[in-house]
Amino acid sequence: MTCYFYAMDEQEDKVISFELLGLTFPVKVALFFRLVPIIWISELILLFASIFFFDYQMTNADMPGGLISGILLTYLIHLLID
């Protein structure tokens, strides 16, 4: 895995790119870290709603899976916003 750090200019966000399996993934740092807490809070609200309204029982995989899926969903939304 290769990681590249570069910024376009002072007006634009800092962009970090990483390479995985031959594909390059750009990340706008400011936008990504602004979206992460919003997505995690949204997932938490959905989890509480499913517990209270649908009698969902939490498993051991819900919390770590929620954190991982939140990061992946944030990256997807971050790409769609651009």
Protein backbone atom coordinates (compact mmCIF):
# COMPACT_ATOMS: atom_id res chain seq x y z
CA MET A 1 0.00 0.00 0.00
CA THR A 2 1.42 3.33 -1.08
CA CYS A 3 0.33 6.67 0.33
CA TYR A 4 0.76 10.03 -1.41
CA PHE A 5 0.34 13.43 0.25
CA TYR A 6 -0.21 16.53 -1.82
CA ALA A 7 -2.16 19.76 -1.66
CA MET A 8 -3.44 21.55 -4.76
CA ASP A 9 -2.97 25.09 -3.45
CA GLU A 10 -3.78 27.06 -0.34
CA GLN A 11 -7.42 27.66 -1.34
CA GLU A 12 -8.31 23.99 -1.81
CA ASP A 13 -8.53 21.15 0.67
CA LYS A 14 -5.54 18.98 1.39
CA VAL A 15 -5.81 15.79 -0.65
CA ILE A 16 -4.33 12.47 0.43
CA SER A 17 -4.22 9.59 -2.01
CA PHE A 18 -3.49 5.98 -1.22
CA GLU A 19 -2.97 3.08 -3.55
CA LEU A 20 -4.43 -0.35 -2.87
CA LEU A 21 -4.32 -3.28 -5.30
CA GLY A 22 -3.22 -0.99 -8.12
CA LEU A 23 -6.08 1.48 -7.64
CA THR A 24 -5.56 5.04 -6.39
CA PHE A 25 -8.08 6.42 -3.89
CA PRO A 26 -8.10 10.20 -3.28
CA VAL A 27 -9.33 11.59 0.05
CA LYS A 28 -10.13 15.26 0.71
CA VAL A 29 -9.14 15.37 4.35
CA ALA A 30 -11.30 18.27 5.59
CA LEU A 31 -14.49 17.02 3.93
CA PHE A 32 -13.91 13.41 4.99
CA PHE A 33 -13.35 14.23 8.67
CA ARG A 34 -16.30 16.61 8.68
CA LEU A 35 -18.59 13.83 7.40
CA VAL A 36 -17.38 10.97 9.66
CA PRO A 37 -19.15 12.11 12.87
CA ILE A 38 -22.35 12.88 10.94
CA ILE A 39 -22.43 9.37 9.47
CA TRP A 40 -21.62 7.71 12.81
CA ILE A 41 -24.38 9.65 14.58
CA SER A 42 -26.81 8.71 11.80
CA GLU A 43 -25.88 5.04 12.19
CA LEU A 44 -26.34 5.32 15.95
CA ILE A 45 -29.83 6.81 15.50
CA LEU A 46 -30.74 3.98 13.13
CA LEU A 47 -29.43 1.42 15.61
CA PHE A 48 -31.47 2.89 18.48
CA ALA A 49 -34.57 3.05 16.26
CA SER A 50 -34.19 -0.60 15.30
CA ILE A 51 -33.72 -1.58 18.97
CA PHE A 52 -36.73 0.34 20.26
CA PHE A 53 -39.18 -0.10 17.39
CA PHE A 54 -38.27 -3.52 15.98
CA ASP A 55 -36.92 -5.31 19.11
CA TYR A 56 -33.49 -5.76 17.55
CA GLN A 57 -30.93 -7.49 19.78
CA MET A 58 -27.39 -6.14 19.45
CA THR A 59 -24.59 -8.59 18.69
CA ASN A 60 -20.84 -8.33 19.28
CA ALA A 61 -20.32 -7.33 15.64
CA ASP A 62 -22.63 -4.30 15.67
CA MET A 63 -20.25 -1.73 17.17
CA PRO A 64 -17.05 -2.55 15.24
CA GLY A 65 -19.06 -3.21 12.09
CA GLY A 66 -20.80 0.14 12.49
CA LEU A 67 -17.49 1.96 12.81
CA ILE A 68 -16.01 0.26 9.75
CA SER A 69 -19.14 0.65 7.62
CA GLY A 70 -19.39 4.29 8.72
CA ILE A 71 -15.91 5.01 7.40
CA LEU A 72 -16.63 3.23 4.11
CA LEU A 73 -19.98 5.00 3.73
CA THR A 74 -18.31 8.33 4.51
CA TYR A 75 -15.74 7.71 1.78
CA LEU A 76 -18.49 6.89 -0.71
CA ILE A 77 -20.52 10.00 0.17
CA HIS A 78 -17.33 12.09 0.07
CA LEU A 79 -16.74 10.91 -3.51
CA LEU A 80 -20.34 11.57 -4.54
CA ILE A 81 -20.25 15.13 -3.16
CA ASP A 82 -17.28 15.96 -5.41
